[in-house]
C-alpha atoms as a PDB file:
ATOM      1  CA  UNK A   1      84.045 120.754 141.807  1.00  0.00           C
ATOM      2  CA  UNK A   2      84.917 121.904 138.375  1.00  0.00           C
ATOM      3  CA  UNK A   3      84.838 119.078 136.745  1.00  0.00           C
ATOM      4  CA  UNK A   4      80.925 118.925 137.367  1.00  0.00           C
ATOM      5  CA  UNK A   5      80.479 121.894 135.230  1.00  0.00           C
ATOM      6  CA  UNK A   6      82.161 120.237 132.001  1.00  0.00           C
ATOM      7  CA  UNK A   7      81.238 117.832 129.859  1.00  0.00           C
ATOM      8  CA  UNK A   8      84.134 115.259 129.277  1.00  0.00           C
ATOM      9  CA  UNK A   9      85.878 115.943 126.291  1.00  0.00           C
ATOM     10  CA  UNK A  10      85.363 113.181 123.423  1.00  0.00           C
ATOM     11  CA  UNK A  11      88.366 112.782 121.212  1.00  0.00           C
ATOM     12  CA  UNK A  12      87.560 113.648 117.608  1.00  0.00           C
ATOM     13  CA  UNK A  13      87.579 111.458 114.857  1.00  0.00           C
ATOM     14  CA  UNK A  14      89.150 112.128 111.765  1.00  0.00           C
ATOM     15  CA  UNK A  15      86.429 111.535 108.541  1.00  0.00           C
ATOM     16  CA  UNK A  16      86.668 112.340 104.660  1.00  0.00           C
ATOM     17  CA  UNK A  17      86.860 116.057 103.851  1.00  0.00           C
ATOM     18  CA  UNK A  18      88.685 116.948 107.111  1.00  0.00           C
ATOM     19  CA  UNK A  19      91.811 119.032 106.404  1.00  0.00           C
ATOM     20  CA  UNK A  20      94.885 118.464 107.747  1.00  0.00           C
ATOM     21  CA  UNK A  21      98.370 119.808 108.891  1.00  0.00           C
ATOM     22  CA  UNK A  22     100.762 117.364 108.940  1.00  0.00           C
ATOM     23  CA  UNK A  23     104.555 118.567 110.416  1.00  0.00           C
ATOM     24  CA  UNK A  24     107.775 116.747 110.410  1.00  0.00           C
ATOM     25  CA  UNK A  25     110.112 118.187 113.011  1.00  0.00           C
ATOM     26  CA  UNK A  26     113.267 119.968 110.659  1.00  0.00           C
ATOM     27  CA  UNK A  27     111.887 118.396 107.514  1.00  0.00           C
ATOM     28  CA  UNK A  28     110.294 120.326 105.425  1.00  0.00           C
ATOM     29  CA  UNK A  29     109.556 118.570 102.678  1.00  0.00           C
ATOM     30  CA  UNK A  30     107.197 115.916 104.647  1.00  0.00           C
ATOM     31  CA  UNK A  31     105.575 118.524 106.463  1.00  0.00           C
ATOM     32  CA  UNK A  32     102.380 118.715 104.637  1.00  0.00           C
ATOM     33  CA  UNK A  33      98.629 120.185 104.103  1.00  0.00           C
ATOM     34  CA  UNK A  34      96.015 117.255 102.876  1.00  0.00           C
ATOM     35  CA  UNK A  35      92.699 117.074 102.974  1.00  0.00           C
ATOM     36  CA  UNK A  36      90.890 113.668 103.544  1.00  0.00           C
ATOM     37  CA  UNK A  37      89.693 112.592 100.399  1.00  0.00           C
ATOM     38  CA  UNK A  38      85.868 110.706 100.200  1.00  0.00           C
ATOM     39  CA  UNK A  39      87.414 107.113 100.701  1.00  0.00           C
ATOM     40  CA  UNK A  40      88.973 108.298 104.041  1.00  0.00           C
ATOM     41  CA  UNK A  41      92.827 108.069 103.249  1.00  0.00           C
ATOM     42  CA  UNK A  42      95.787 110.493 102.402  1.00  0.00           C
ATOM     43  CA  UNK A  43      98.510 110.600 100.734  1.00  0.00           C
ATOM     44  CA  UNK A  44     102.183 111.554 101.706  1.00  0.00           C
ATOM     45  CA  UNK A  45     105.986 111.041 100.633  1.00  0.00           C
ATOM     46  CA  UNK A  46     107.600 109.024 102.311  1.00  0.00           C
ATOM     47  CA  UNK A  47     104.160 107.050 103.386  1.00  0.00           C
ATOM     48  CA  UNK A  48     102.030 106.918 100.342  1.00  0.00           C
ATOM     49  CA  UNK A  49      98.453 106.538 101.069  1.00  0.00           C
ATOM     50  CA  UNK A  50      97.513 106.046 103.994  1.00  0.00           C
ATOM     51  CA  UNK A  51      93.753 104.994 105.465  1.00  0.00           C
ATOM     52  CA  UNK A  52      93.043 107.891 108.053  1.00  0.00           C
ATOM     53  CA  UNK A  53      89.565 107.808 108.703  1.00  0.00           C
ATOM     54  CA  UNK A  54      88.175 106.543 112.002  1.00  0.00           C
ATOM     55  CA  UNK A  55      91.505 107.475 113.642  1.00  0.00           C
ATOM     56  CA  UNK A  56      91.955 110.595 115.598  1.00  0.00           C
ATOM     57  CA  UNK A  57      94.961 113.029 115.258  1.00  0.00           C
ATOM     58  CA  UNK A  58      97.488 111.090 117.965  1.00  0.00           C
ATOM     59  CA  UNK A  59      96.496 107.772 116.732  1.00  0.00           C
ATOM     60  CA  UNK A  60      97.380 109.424 113.100  1.00  0.00           C
ATOM     61  CA  UNK A  61     100.603 110.631 114.904  1.00  0.00           C
ATOM     62  CA  UNK A  62     101.773 107.472 116.387  1.00  0.00           C
ATOM     63  CA  UNK A  63     101.257 106.036 112.788  1.00  0.00           C
ATOM     64  CA  UNK A  64     102.936 108.516 110.924  1.00  0.00           C
ATOM     65  CA  UNK A  65     106.346 108.014 113.307  1.00  0.00           C
ATOM     66  CA  UNK A  66     105.790 103.976 112.707  1.00  0.00           C
ATOM     67  CA  UNK A  67     105.906 104.805 108.976  1.00  0.00           C
ATOM     68  CA  UNK A  68     108.570 107.000 108.799  1.00  0.00           C
ATOM     69  CA  UNK A  69     110.861 105.082 110.649  1.00  0.00           C
ATOM     70  CA  UNK A  70     110.368 102.366 108.274  1.00  0.00           C
ATOM     71  CA  UNK A  71     111.459 104.605 105.182  1.00  0.00           C
ATOM     72  CA  UNK A  72     114.174 105.376 107.305  1.00  0.00           C
ATOM     73  CA  UNK A  73     113.412 108.629 109.154  1.00  0.00           C
ATOM     74  CA  UNK A  74     115.782 109.129 112.164  1.00  0.00           C
ATOM     75  CA  UNK A  75     113.528 109.976 114.920  1.00  0.00           C
ATOM     76  CA  UNK A  76     110.807 111.579 113.602  1.00  0.00           C
ATOM     77  CA  UNK A  77     108.748 114.100 115.283  1.00  0.00           C
ATOM     78  CA  UNK A  78     105.247 114.447 113.961  1.00  0.00           C
ATOM     79  CA  UNK A  79     102.240 116.660 114.589  1.00  0.00           C
ATOM     80  CA  UNK A  80      98.577 116.130 113.156  1.00  0.00           C
ATOM     81  CA  UNK A  81      96.283 119.321 113.288  1.00  0.00           C
ATOM     82  CA  UNK A  82      92.795 119.326 112.397  1.00  0.00           C
ATOM     83  CA  UNK A  83      92.531 122.166 110.350  1.00  0.00           C
ATOM     84  CA  UNK A  84      88.880 121.721 109.253  1.00  0.00           C
ATOM     85  CA  UNK A  85      86.505 119.264 110.828  1.00  0.00           C
ATOM     86  CA  UNK A  86      84.014 119.055 107.739  1.00  0.00           C
ATOM     87  CA  UNK A  87      83.335 115.447 108.671  1.00  0.00           C
ATOM     88  CA  UNK A  88      81.897 115.977 111.744  1.00  0.00           C
ATOM     89  CA  UNK A  89      78.272 117.831 111.634  1.00  0.00           C
ATOM     90  CA  UNK A  90      74.871 117.793 112.532  1.00  0.00           C
ATOM     91  CA  UNK A  91      72.076 119.001 111.103  1.00  0.00           C
ATOM     92  CA  UNK A  92      69.263 120.986 112.938  1.00  0.00           C
ATOM     93  CA  UNK A  93      65.668 121.753 111.048  1.00  0.00           C
ATOM     94  CA  UNK A  94      62.442 122.421 111.631  1.00  0.00           C
ATOM     95  CA  UNK A  95      61.150 125.344 113.890  1.00  0.00           C
ATOM     96  CA  UNK A  96      64.106 126.308 114.626  1.00  0.00           C
ATOM     97  CA  UNK A  97      65.726 130.157 114.350  1.00  0.00           C
ATOM     98  CA  UNK A  98      67.860 129.390 111.811  1.00  0.00           C
ATOM     99  CA  UNK A  99      68.238 126.045 110.514  1.00  0.00           C
ATOM    100  CA  UNK A 100      71.105 124.148 109.176  1.00  0.00           C
ATOM    101  CA  UNK A 101      74.108 122.059 109.296  1.00  0.00           C
ATOM    102  CA  UNK A 102      76.462 123.264 112.147  1.00  0.00           C
ATOM    103  CA  UNK A 103      79.612 121.755 112.990  1.00  0.00           C
ATOM    104  CA  UNK A 104      79.855 119.276 116.159  1.00  0.00           C
ATOM    105  CA  UNK A 105      83.080 120.561 118.200  1.00  0.00           C
ATOM    106  CA  UNK A 106      83.773 118.561 121.329  1.00  0.00           C
ATOM    107  CA  UNK A 107      80.573 116.506 122.803  1.00  0.00           C
ATOM    108  CA  UNK A 108      77.011 118.492 122.466  1.00  0.00           C
ATOM    109  CA  UNK A 109      73.763 117.664 123.907  1.00  0.00           C
ATOM    110  CA  UNK A 110      70.403 118.206 122.638  1.00  0.00           C
ATOM    111  CA  UNK A 111      70.311 121.363 124.202  1.00  0.00           C
ATOM    112  CA  UNK A 112      72.889 123.196 123.460  1.00  0.00           C
ATOM    113  CA  UNK A 113      72.745 121.958 119.408  1.00  0.00           C
ATOM    114  CA  UNK A 114      69.476 124.056 119.206  1.00  0.00           C
ATOM    115  CA  UNK A 115      70.813 126.517 120.836  1.00  0.00           C
ATOM    116  CA  UNK A 116      73.698 126.531 118.079  1.00  0.00           C
ATOM    117  CA  UNK A 117      70.299 127.192 115.368  1.00  0.00           C
ATOM    118  CA  UNK A 118      69.485 130.514 117.729  1.00  0.00           C
ATOM    119  CA  UNK A 119      66.823 128.376 119.688  1.00  0.00           C
ATOM    120  CA  UNK A 120      63.100 127.185 118.731  1.00  0.00           C
ATOM    121  CA  UNK A 121      60.498 129.587 117.029  1.00  0.00           C
ATOM    122  CA  UNK A 122      57.376 130.734 118.803  1.00  0.00           C
ATOM    123  CA  UNK A 123      55.634 127.535 116.863  1.00  0.00           C
ATOM    124  CA  UNK A 124      57.958 124.735 117.906  1.00  0.00           C
ATOM    125  CA  UNK A 125      56.264 122.066 119.593  1.00  0.00           C
ATOM    126  CA  UNK A 126      59.112 121.466 122.081  1.00  0.00           C
ATOM    127  CA  UNK A 127      57.407 118.449 123.199  1.00  0.00           C
ATOM    128  CA  UNK A 128      58.199 116.888 120.000  1.00  0.00           C
ATOM    129  CA  UNK A 129      61.907 116.981 119.139  1.00  0.00           C
ATOM    130  CA  UNK A 130      63.126 113.937 117.308  1.00  0.00           C
ATOM    131  CA  UNK A 131      66.596 112.914 117.092  1.00  0.00           C
ATOM    132  CA  UNK A 132      67.387 110.910 113.781  1.00  0.00           C
ATOM    133  CA  UNK A 133      70.597 108.450 114.233  1.00  0.00           C
ATOM    134  CA  UNK A 134      72.201 106.023 111.702  1.00  0.00           C
ATOM    135  CA  UNK A 135      74.232 103.276 113.584  1.00  0.00           C
ATOM    136  CA  UNK A 136      75.772 100.350 112.303  1.00  0.00           C
ATOM    137  CA  UNK A 137      73.464 100.764 108.573  1.00  0.00           C
ATOM    138  CA  UNK A 138      70.025 100.964 110.611  1.00  0.00           C
ATOM    139  CA  UNK A 139      68.282 104.201 111.145  1.00  0.00           C
ATOM    140  CA  UNK A 140      66.971 105.140 114.435  1.00  0.00           C
ATOM    141  CA  UNK A 141      64.557 108.080 115.734  1.00  0.00           C
ATOM    142  CA  UNK A 142      64.095 109.224 119.337  1.00  0.00           C
ATOM    143  CA  UNK A 143      61.531 111.746 120.756  1.00  0.00           C
ATOM    144  CA  UNK A 144      62.527 114.219 123.024  1.00  0.00           C
ATOM    145  CA  UNK A 145      60.461 117.415 125.043  1.00  0.00           C
ATOM    146  CA  UNK A 146      62.487 119.904 125.497  1.00  0.00           C
ATOM    147  CA  UNK A 147      60.183 121.318 128.540  1.00  0.00           C
ATOM    148  CA  UNK A 148      61.116 118.150 130.701  1.00  0.00           C
ATOM    149  CA  UNK A 149      64.686 118.683 129.720  1.00  0.00           C
ATOM    150  CA  UNK A 150      64.684 122.230 131.069  1.00  0.00           C
ATOM    151  CA  UNK A 151      62.703 120.937 134.384  1.00  0.00           C
ATOM    152  CA  UNK A 152      65.744 118.358 134.899  1.00  0.00           C
ATOM    153  CA  UNK A 153      62.682 115.894 134.686  1.00  0.00           C
ATOM    154  CA  UNK A 154      65.415 113.900 132.683  1.00  0.00           C
ATOM    155  CA  UNK A 155      68.962 114.018 131.068  1.00  0.00           C
ATOM    156  CA  UNK A 156      69.898 116.419 127.976  1.00  0.00           C
ATOM    157  CA  UNK A 157      70.687 113.516 125.345  1.00  0.00           C
ATOM    158  CA  UNK A 158      73.953 113.524 124.371  1.00  0.00           C
ATOM    159  CA  UNK A 159      73.973 114.473 120.202  1.00  0.00           C
ATOM    160  CA  UNK A 160      76.661 112.626 118.201  1.00  0.00           C
ATOM    161  CA  UNK A 161      78.112 113.267 114.373  1.00  0.00           C
ATOM    162  CA  UNK A 162      75.689 113.188 111.605  1.00  0.00           C
ATOM    163  CA  UNK A 163      72.517 113.451 113.973  1.00  0.00           C
ATOM    164  CA  UNK A 164      69.487 114.862 112.527  1.00  0.00           C
ATOM    165  CA  UNK A 165      67.628 116.850 114.870  1.00  0.00           C
ATOM    166  CA  UNK A 166      64.229 117.957 113.934  1.00  0.00           C
ATOM    167  CA  UNK A 167      62.060 120.045 115.777  1.00  0.00           C
ATOM    168  CA  UNK A 168      58.478 119.788 115.285  1.00  0.00           C
ATOM    169  CA  UNK A 169      55.574 122.668 114.011  1.00  0.00           C
ATOM    170  CA  UNK A 170      52.903 123.495 115.732  1.00  0.00           C
ATOM    171  CA  UNK A 171      50.112 124.012 113.231  1.00  0.00           C
ATOM    172  CA  UNK A 172      47.567 125.405 115.691  1.00  0.00           C
ATOM    173  CA  UNK A 173      49.538 127.836 117.122  1.00  0.00           C
ATOM    174  CA  UNK A 174      50.234 129.283 113.409  1.00  0.00           C
ATOM    175  CA  UNK A 175      46.399 129.324 112.749  1.00  0.00           C
ATOM    176  CA  UNK A 176      45.578 130.696 115.690  1.00  0.00           C
ATOM    177  CA  UNK A 177      48.326 133.571 114.914  1.00  0.00           C
ATOM    178  CA  UNK A 178      46.790 133.957 111.182  1.00  0.00           C
ATOM    179  CA  UNK A 179      43.000 134.242 112.694  1.00  0.00           C
ATOM    180  CA  UNK A 180      44.047 136.919 115.188  1.00  0.00           C
ATOM    181  CA  UNK A 181      46.194 138.698 112.267  1.00  0.00           C
ATOM    182  CA  UNK A 182      42.625 138.641 110.469  1.00  0.00           C
ATOM    183  CA  UNK A 183      40.576 139.339 113.170  1.00  0.00           C
ATOM    184  CA  UNK A 184      39.796 143.270 112.417  1.00  0.00           C
ATOM    185  CA  UNK A 185      38.094 141.625 109.411  1.00  0.00           C
ATOM    186  CA  UNK A 186      35.848 139.481 111.987  1.00  0.00           C
ATOM    187  CA  UNK A 187      32.892 141.010 113.618  1.00  0.00           C
ATOM    188  CA  UNK A 188      31.910 138.341 115.893  1.00  0.00           C
ATOM    189  CA  UNK A 189      34.208 137.130 119.003  1.00  0.00           C
ATOM    190  CA  UNK A 190      37.057 134.882 118.034  1.00  0.00           C
ATOM    191  CA  UNK A 191      37.103 131.516 120.156  1.00  0.00           C
ATOM    192  CA  UNK A 192      40.113 128.667 119.205  1.00  0.00           C
ATOM    193  CA  UNK A 193      40.743 125.896 121.396  1.00  0.00           C
ATOM    194  CA  UNK A 194      45.141 125.378 121.093  1.00  0.00           C
ATOM    195  CA  UNK A 195      45.951 121.360 122.667  1.00  0.00           C
ATOM    196  CA  UNK A 196      49.416 121.594 124.163  1.00  0.00           C
END
């Protein structure tokens, strides 16, 4: 039953600017802290330059074991840890309390991403949330309604690395609030229709 309460883990894929620790048990000279360069490569003693972008930590570990064996290191015991995951980020913008760039840790849904940005503001158009995504060089946009997701009408969509989430702004509410705050200056009744 507990499996129903958690989102299955998705392996983290290494990318540019990620910081890694590579430890080779018993050989301090081969153990290094490295940063993946903008071309997706790292450089290590006895291995040289190695393209790591797109690999998981386990795949990189297996590749390094193979490379160290080829360099005549007997029975290399390698551990790769991701110290800083700088390449896996999402952007949350628009009518959220704290817009910004956030790290994508594990699997994340749209509702969780917006909660990461401290939720929507009072002027948010919750029925107008756009997720922009690049897939194979093409840009896609999908429109979501947070209220429908909360009501269980449809699933909370998964968010992927480099997605941009934009929460729309309800100008009518903003204008109404501005008019109400100016109400002491108005001597006639104020009636304003707000459409949802």
